[in-house]
Amino acid sequence: MSTHARWIAGLVAVVAVGVLASIPAFLDRSGSGESHLVRYAWLDQVPVSRDTALPDPSTAIGSAPDGQRLLATRIPDGEVCMHFGDSGRQCVSVDTDKQIQLVARVRGPDLNVLWGVLADDVAAISVRRADGSVYPRDVRRAFGVLEVPGEKVVSIAALDDRSRQLGKVSGDAFVPVSCVLTSCVTIDVS
């Protein structure tokens, strides 16, 4: 075999080894749009109320930075009834196909609170505000994000334990429950 042929054969071998070595990196790309199995096993731990009226939620599932808590109780039809911090309560359906979802927007005189729930493998959220600032926060199950005048929430991303983004919601996304002070209503989209 000539020197030229051996040189080309060696080059082909090096390229082939490089391509084979890079395959795992292509298979484990974060943010690649690959589908993750979404689970809400924590929801099974929330007690089921047998009341026929709107039950009084009692199990804490999340909190806001100012100390307000999100309380929950499930009802037999599968909905989750929640008490949104210092505001009212309402029942919602949790979409168990989404990693992150907003469930209520509480509007107050000095601040708003966006309440949301998270799938099991979400370990943190990253809140992006209109001024470009980003605030990470370690959370599990549910969260409250404060929105004060001049600090509008643009988006909230769900992150896994390696800080990879699993999902994202817009701060202006549809929210099934709207609360003003202590009164909450379900928003009908039909």
Protein backbone atom coordinates (compact mmCIF):
# COMPACT_ATOMS: atom_id res chain seq x y z
CA MET A 1 0.00 0.00 0.00
CA SER A 2 1.37 3.40 -0.92
CA THR A 3 2.17 6.09 1.62
CA HIS A 4 -0.63 8.21 0.24
CA ALA A 5 -3.19 5.39 0.67
CA ARG A 6 -1.99 4.68 4.22
CA TRP A 7 -2.27 8.37 5.08
CA ILE A 8 -5.87 8.52 3.79
CA ALA A 9 -6.79 5.27 5.58
CA GLY A 10 -5.38 6.70 8.84
CA LEU A 11 -7.32 9.96 8.37
CA VAL A 12 -10.56 8.03 7.73
CA ALA A 13 -9.95 5.95 10.89
CA VAL A 14 -9.39 9.08 13.02
CA VAL A 15 -12.56 10.72 11.67
CA ALA A 16 -14.58 7.53 12.28
CA VAL A 17 -13.35 7.30 15.89
CA GLY A 18 -14.23 10.98 16.43
CA VAL A 19 -17.74 10.52 15.07
CA LEU A 20 -18.34 7.41 17.19
CA ALA A 21 -17.00 9.15 20.31
CA SER A 22 -19.37 12.10 19.83
CA ILE A 23 -22.55 10.01 19.59
CA PRO A 24 -23.22 10.05 23.39
CA ALA A 25 -23.01 13.85 23.40
CA PHE A 26 -25.69 14.03 20.71
CA LEU A 27 -27.91 11.62 22.61
CA ASP A 28 -27.68 13.59 25.89
CA ARG A 29 -28.19 17.15 24.67
CA SER A 30 -30.06 19.35 27.13
CA GLY A 31 -32.78 21.52 25.67
CA SER A 32 -32.90 19.39 22.56
CA GLY A 33 -36.66 19.07 22.64
CA GLU A 34 -36.48 15.44 23.68
CA SER A 35 -39.56 14.32 25.54
CA HIS A 36 -39.27 13.58 29.25
CA LEU A 37 -41.64 11.38 31.18
CA VAL A 38 -43.71 13.80 33.25
CA ARG A 39 -44.82 12.58 36.67
CA TYR A 40 -46.80 14.18 39.49
CA ALA A 41 -46.37 11.45 42.13
CA TRP A 42 -46.30 14.11 44.86
CA LEU A 43 -49.94 14.85 44.03
CA ASP A 44 -50.90 11.35 45.22
CA GLN A 45 -49.69 12.35 48.70
CA VAL A 46 -52.18 15.24 48.90
CA PRO A 47 -55.23 14.08 50.92
CA VAL A 48 -58.59 13.58 49.20
CA SER A 49 -61.54 15.43 50.74
CA ARG A 50 -64.96 13.79 50.81
CA ASP A 51 -66.76 17.14 51.20
CA THR A 52 -69.24 18.01 48.49
CA ALA A 53 -68.69 21.73 48.94
CA LEU A 54 -65.42 23.53 48.22
CA PRO A 55 -63.09 21.93 50.81
CA ASP A 56 -60.69 23.89 52.97
CA PRO A 57 -57.19 22.94 51.70
CA SER A 58 -54.79 22.04 54.48
CA THR A 59 -51.64 20.48 52.97
CA ALA A 60 -48.82 22.93 52.19
CA ILE A 61 -47.38 22.25 48.73
CA GLY A 62 -45.48 25.48 48.03
CA SER A 63 -44.70 29.01 49.09
CA ALA A 64 -43.91 32.50 47.83
CA PRO A 65 -40.76 34.42 48.84
CA ASP A 66 -42.81 36.61 51.21
CA GLY A 67 -43.95 33.57 53.24
CA GLN A 68 -47.41 33.06 51.73
CA ARG A 69 -48.21 29.37 51.38
CA LEU A 70 -50.08 27.39 48.74
CA LEU A 71 -52.33 24.81 50.41
CA ALA A 72 -54.04 21.92 48.60
CA THR A 73 -56.61 19.17 48.96
CA ARG A 74 -57.77 16.83 46.20
CA ILE A 75 -61.41 16.05 45.52
CA PRO A 76 -62.75 12.75 44.15
CA ASP A 77 -63.26 14.04 40.59
CA GLY A 78 -59.51 14.56 40.24
CA GLU A 79 -59.35 18.32 40.68
CA VAL A 80 -57.09 19.95 43.24
CA CYS A 81 -58.59 22.60 45.49
CA MET A 82 -56.05 25.21 46.51
CA HIS A 83 -55.88 28.12 48.93
CA PHE A 84 -53.69 30.77 47.32
CA GLY A 85 -51.65 32.41 50.08
CA ASP A 86 -53.42 35.41 51.64
CA SER A 87 -56.14 35.24 48.98
CA GLY A 88 -59.08 32.93 48.32
CA ARG A 89 -59.43 29.34 47.23
CA GLN A 90 -60.60 27.51 44.13
CA CYS A 91 -60.38 24.09 42.48
CA VAL A 92 -58.32 23.48 39.32
CA SER A 93 -57.37 20.60 37.06
CA VAL A 94 -53.62 19.91 36.98
CA ASP A 95 -52.34 19.04 33.49
CA THR A 96 -50.04 16.11 34.24
CA ASP A 97 -48.47 16.34 30.77
CA LYS A 98 -46.66 19.60 31.57
CA GLN A 99 -43.48 20.10 33.63
CA ILE A 100 -44.63 23.55 34.80
CA GLN A 101 -47.98 25.32 34.76
CA LEU A 102 -49.51 28.40 36.29
CA VAL A 103 -52.69 27.72 38.27
CA ALA A 104 -53.61 31.15 39.69
CA ARG A 105 -52.88 34.85 39.43
CA VAL A 106 -53.63 36.84 42.58
CA ARG A 107 -53.88 40.58 42.02
CA GLY A 108 -53.30 42.79 45.03
CA PRO A 109 -52.98 46.51 45.64
CA ASP A 110 -49.17 46.41 46.03
CA LEU A 111 -48.14 43.14 44.40
CA ASN A 112 -49.37 40.21 42.34
CA VAL A 113 -48.57 36.56 42.98
CA LEU A 114 -48.33 33.96 40.24
CA TRP A 115 -48.95 30.47 41.67
CA GLY A 116 -47.83 27.36 39.81
CA VAL A 117 -47.27 23.63 40.13
CA LEU A 118 -44.33 21.50 39.02
CA ALA A 119 -43.70 17.91 37.95
CA ASP A 120 -41.63 15.59 40.15
CA ASP A 121 -38.28 16.03 38.40
CA VAL A 122 -38.31 19.83 38.64
CA ALA A 123 -35.83 21.00 41.29
CA ALA A 124 -35.84 24.76 40.71
CA ILE A 125 -37.38 27.61 38.78
CA SER A 126 -35.75 30.54 37.04
CA VAL A 127 -37.79 33.74 36.94
CA ARG A 128 -37.04 36.24 34.16
CA ARG A 129 -38.26 39.80 34.64
CA ALA A 130 -38.89 42.52 32.02
CA ASP A 131 -35.65 44.33 32.94
CA GLY A 132 -33.67 41.22 31.93
CA SER A 133 -32.85 40.10 35.46
CA VAL A 134 -33.07 36.39 36.25
CA TYR A 135 -33.75 34.96 39.69
CA PRO A 136 -33.26 31.23 40.33
CA ARG A 137 -35.10 29.59 43.21
CA ASP A 138 -34.95 26.01 44.54
CA VAL A 139 -38.52 24.69 44.74
CA ARG A 140 -40.39 21.39 44.61
CA ARG A 141 -44.05 20.67 43.81
CA ALA A 142 -45.39 24.25 43.72
CA PHE A 143 -44.30 27.88 43.88
CA GLY A 144 -45.42 31.47 44.23
CA VAL A 145 -43.67 34.24 42.30
CA LEU A 146 -44.08 37.85 43.40
CA GLU A 147 -44.67 40.55 40.82
CA VAL A 148 -44.32 44.09 42.15
CA PRO A 149 -44.80 47.30 40.15
CA GLY A 150 -41.84 47.76 37.82
CA GLU A 151 -40.75 44.11 38.05
CA LYS A 152 -43.05 42.35 35.59
CA VAL A 153 -42.51 38.59 35.25
CA VAL A 154 -41.74 37.70 31.62
CA SER A 155 -41.28 33.94 32.04
CA ILE A 156 -40.75 31.16 34.56
CA ALA A 157 -38.60 28.18 33.55
CA ALA A 158 -38.63 24.77 35.25
CA LEU A 159 -35.15 23.33 35.81
CA ASP A 160 -33.98 19.84 36.74
CA ASP A 161 -31.28 19.09 39.32
CA ARG A 162 -28.58 19.76 36.70
CA SER A 163 -30.07 23.19 35.83
CA ARG A 164 -31.37 21.95 32.47
CA GLN A 165 -34.60 23.58 31.34
CA LEU A 166 -37.53 21.14 31.30
CA GLY A 167 -40.30 23.60 30.46
CA LYS A 168 -41.26 27.25 30.53
CA VAL A 169 -44.37 29.39 30.95
CA SER A 170 -44.90 33.00 30.00
CA GLY A 171 -45.79 35.47 32.74
CA ASP A 172 -48.73 36.45 30.53
CA ALA A 173 -49.85 32.83 29.97
CA PHE A 174 -53.45 31.79 30.48
CA VAL A 175 -54.10 31.10 34.16
CA PRO A 176 -57.26 29.14 35.08
CA VAL A 177 -57.91 30.99 38.36
CA SER A 178 -57.93 34.74 38.92
CA CYS A 179 -58.07 36.20 42.42
CA VAL A 180 -58.53 39.73 43.70
CA LEU A 181 -57.86 40.11 47.40
CA THR A 182 -59.80 37.20 48.99
CA SER A 183 -62.09 36.32 46.08
CA CYS A 184 -61.12 33.80 43.39
CA VAL A 185 -62.94 32.74 40.21
CA THR A 186 -62.28 30.12 37.58
CA ILE A 187 -61.80 31.63 34.13
CA ASP A 188 -63.91 29.90 31.47
CA VAL A 189 -62.19 29.52 28.09
CA SER A 190 -65.13 28.03 26.20
